[in-house]
Amino acid sequence: MKKLWVIGLMLLLFMGCHRPEKFPDEPYIEFVSLGPDSLEVGKYNLVVYFQDGDGDIGLSDSDTTGVFATDSMYYYNFFIDYFEKQNGEWVKIDLPLPLHCRIPRLSNVAQESISGQITLLTYVRDPASPYDTTKLSCYLVDRALHKSNVIETPELIRK
């Protein structure tokens, strides 16, 4: 009986000692969903799953100098490109205001593997366009300027 108790305790300790998952330092993203926002007409919630091995995703409000300065490409850390299907071909459209955004800092712990979901509020249609089918292409850049993979949303058809 005592042996069973010791074996059970050892199994319990072994199961409780699970190592935290370690991801590569380059961020990885996956498309999760895209749906209309219930509060803001014309805007959509884009949900993206992410993983990052060193936890350096996101920017603080104070990250506005050097490479993160307001006139720098990396002022933003989540990049969204807008495409329209024109005569059967996908065409990237440069909108008057970019859809890019700043994701806030997600972790303050150094070298921590993190994963989760990010929800971003964005537009998915150009109201001035005569074309009815659009999609978004997105990628993430961490504070070390590692670029994630590029993802695309499914096509959206205006009704």
Protein backbone atom coordinates (compact mmCIF):
# COMPACT_ATOMS: atom_id res chain seq x y z
CA MET A 1 0.00 0.00 0.00
CA LYS A 2 2.85 2.35 0.92
CA LYS A 3 4.52 1.67 -2.46
CA LEU A 4 1.34 2.66 -4.32
CA TRP A 5 1.14 5.90 -2.37
CA VAL A 6 4.81 6.73 -3.17
CA ILE A 7 4.32 5.89 -6.86
CA GLY A 8 1.15 8.00 -6.94
CA LEU A 9 2.97 10.92 -5.31
CA MET A 10 5.85 10.61 -7.80
CA LEU A 11 3.41 10.57 -10.74
CA LEU A 12 1.65 13.63 -9.35
CA LEU A 13 4.96 15.49 -8.95
CA PHE A 14 6.08 14.45 -12.43
CA MET A 15 2.83 15.67 -14.00
CA GLY A 16 3.03 18.96 -12.07
CA CYS A 17 6.54 19.70 -13.37
CA HIS A 18 5.66 20.65 -16.90
CA ARG A 19 8.06 22.93 -18.72
CA PRO A 20 6.75 26.16 -20.15
CA GLU A 21 6.47 26.06 -23.92
CA LYS A 22 9.36 27.70 -25.76
CA PHE A 23 8.66 29.40 -29.08
CA PRO A 24 11.08 30.94 -31.59
CA ASP A 25 12.06 34.58 -30.99
CA GLU A 26 10.36 35.59 -34.26
CA PRO A 27 6.64 36.20 -33.73
CA TYR A 28 4.17 33.82 -35.33
CA ILE A 29 0.55 34.73 -36.09
CA GLU A 30 -2.57 32.92 -37.31
CA PHE A 31 -5.89 34.30 -38.50
CA VAL A 32 -8.69 33.45 -36.04
CA SER A 33 -11.72 35.50 -37.09
CA LEU A 34 -13.04 38.71 -38.59
CA GLY A 35 -16.50 40.02 -37.76
CA PRO A 36 -18.47 43.25 -37.51
CA ASP A 37 -18.02 45.26 -34.33
CA SER A 38 -21.26 45.58 -32.37
CA LEU A 39 -20.53 49.17 -31.27
CA GLU A 40 -18.85 50.88 -34.22
CA VAL A 41 -20.65 50.76 -37.56
CA GLY A 42 -18.33 49.98 -40.47
CA LYS A 43 -15.55 48.60 -38.28
CA TYR A 44 -14.61 44.97 -37.82
CA ASN A 45 -12.89 42.99 -35.07
CA LEU A 46 -9.87 41.15 -36.43
CA VAL A 47 -8.77 38.38 -34.05
CA VAL A 48 -5.26 36.98 -34.42
CA TYR A 49 -3.50 34.22 -32.47
CA PHE A 50 0.17 34.91 -31.69
CA GLN A 51 3.27 33.21 -30.27
CA ASP A 52 6.62 34.80 -29.40
CA GLY A 53 9.62 33.15 -27.78
CA ASP A 54 11.14 36.19 -26.08
CA GLY A 55 7.94 38.05 -25.17
CA ASP A 56 8.88 41.33 -26.82
CA ILE A 57 5.60 41.98 -28.58
CA GLY A 58 4.04 45.38 -28.13
CA LEU A 59 5.02 48.97 -27.54
CA SER A 60 4.60 51.24 -24.53
CA ASP A 61 3.08 54.70 -24.90
CA SER A 62 6.58 56.06 -24.29
CA ASP A 63 8.09 54.09 -27.20
CA THR A 64 8.08 57.04 -29.61
CA THR A 65 11.78 57.78 -30.20
CA GLY A 66 14.54 56.23 -32.28
CA VAL A 67 13.30 53.39 -34.44
CA PHE A 68 9.79 53.77 -32.90
CA ALA A 69 9.54 57.54 -33.58
CA THR A 70 6.27 58.85 -34.99
CA ASP A 71 7.84 59.37 -38.43
CA SER A 72 9.42 55.87 -38.50
CA MET A 73 8.01 52.82 -40.23
CA TYR A 74 8.17 51.03 -36.86
CA TYR A 75 6.01 53.52 -35.02
CA TYR A 76 3.40 50.84 -35.80
CA ASN A 77 3.97 47.20 -34.93
CA PHE A 78 0.97 45.54 -36.58
CA PHE A 79 0.78 46.13 -40.30
CA ILE A 80 -2.42 45.72 -42.32
CA ASP A 81 -2.59 45.96 -46.10
CA TYR A 82 -5.92 46.39 -47.85
CA PHE A 83 -6.76 44.55 -51.08
CA GLU A 84 -9.69 44.74 -53.48
CA LYS A 85 -10.61 42.20 -56.11
CA GLN A 86 -10.73 44.19 -59.35
CA ASN A 87 -11.75 42.30 -62.48
CA GLY A 88 -10.78 38.98 -60.89
CA GLU A 89 -7.32 40.13 -59.66
CA TRP A 90 -6.30 41.16 -56.13
CA VAL A 91 -4.97 44.74 -56.10
CA LYS A 92 -3.29 46.34 -53.07
CA ILE A 93 -4.89 49.71 -52.35
CA ASP A 94 -3.02 52.46 -50.52
CA LEU A 95 -5.74 54.07 -48.43
CA PRO A 96 -5.52 57.76 -47.41
CA LEU A 97 -5.06 56.66 -43.78
CA PRO A 98 -3.18 53.40 -43.14
CA LEU A 99 -4.86 50.58 -41.23
CA HIS A 100 -1.63 49.82 -39.31
CA CYS A 101 -1.82 49.98 -35.52
CA ARG A 102 0.22 49.82 -32.31
CA ILE A 103 -0.27 46.78 -30.11
CA PRO A 104 0.48 47.64 -26.47
CA ARG A 105 3.27 45.85 -24.63
CA LEU A 106 2.03 42.36 -23.73
CA SER A 107 4.72 41.32 -21.24
CA ASN A 108 7.30 43.02 -19.05
CA VAL A 109 9.11 39.78 -18.22
CA ALA A 110 12.39 39.36 -20.12
CA GLN A 111 12.78 36.29 -22.33
CA GLU A 112 9.31 34.94 -21.59
CA SER A 113 7.54 32.79 -24.20
CA ILE A 114 4.06 34.17 -24.67
CA SER A 115 1.01 33.25 -26.72
CA GLY A 116 -2.58 34.34 -26.90
CA GLN A 117 -5.04 36.30 -28.99
CA ILE A 118 -5.07 39.93 -30.05
CA THR A 119 -8.27 41.68 -31.14
CA LEU A 120 -7.88 44.72 -33.38
CA LEU A 121 -10.58 47.11 -34.54
CA THR A 122 -10.23 47.95 -38.24
CA TYR A 123 -12.01 48.83 -41.46
CA VAL A 124 -12.43 46.21 -44.17
CA ARG A 125 -14.12 48.26 -46.89
CA ASP A 126 -13.43 51.48 -48.75
CA PRO A 127 -16.84 53.17 -49.00
CA ALA A 128 -15.71 55.14 -52.07
CA SER A 129 -14.77 51.99 -54.00
CA PRO A 130 -17.06 50.49 -56.63
CA TYR A 131 -15.58 47.02 -55.95
CA ASP A 132 -17.40 44.70 -53.57
CA THR A 133 -14.77 42.12 -52.59
CA THR A 134 -11.91 42.85 -50.18
CA LYS A 135 -9.38 41.10 -47.94
CA LEU A 136 -6.64 42.12 -45.52
CA SER A 137 -3.02 40.97 -45.32
CA CYS A 138 -1.26 41.35 -41.95
CA TYR A 139 2.01 40.86 -40.13
CA LEU A 140 3.49 41.73 -36.73
CA VAL A 141 6.89 43.19 -35.80
CA ASP A 142 8.30 42.79 -32.28
CA ARG A 143 10.56 45.24 -30.41
CA ALA A 144 13.68 43.50 -31.75
CA LEU A 145 12.22 44.17 -35.23
CA HIS A 146 11.64 40.47 -35.92
CA LYS A 147 8.89 40.20 -38.52
CA SER A 148 6.22 37.52 -38.23
CA ASN A 149 4.77 35.47 -41.03
CA VAL A 150 2.13 37.14 -43.21
CA ILE A 151 -1.51 36.10 -42.88
CA GLU A 152 -4.58 36.91 -44.96
CA THR A 153 -8.22 37.16 -44.04
CA PRO A 154 -10.81 35.35 -46.12
CA GLU A 155 -12.36 37.51 -48.80
CA LEU A 156 -15.28 39.66 -47.74
CA ILE A 157 -18.08 40.40 -50.17
CA ARG A 158 -20.14 43.53 -49.61
CA LYS A 159 -23.83 42.85 -49.79
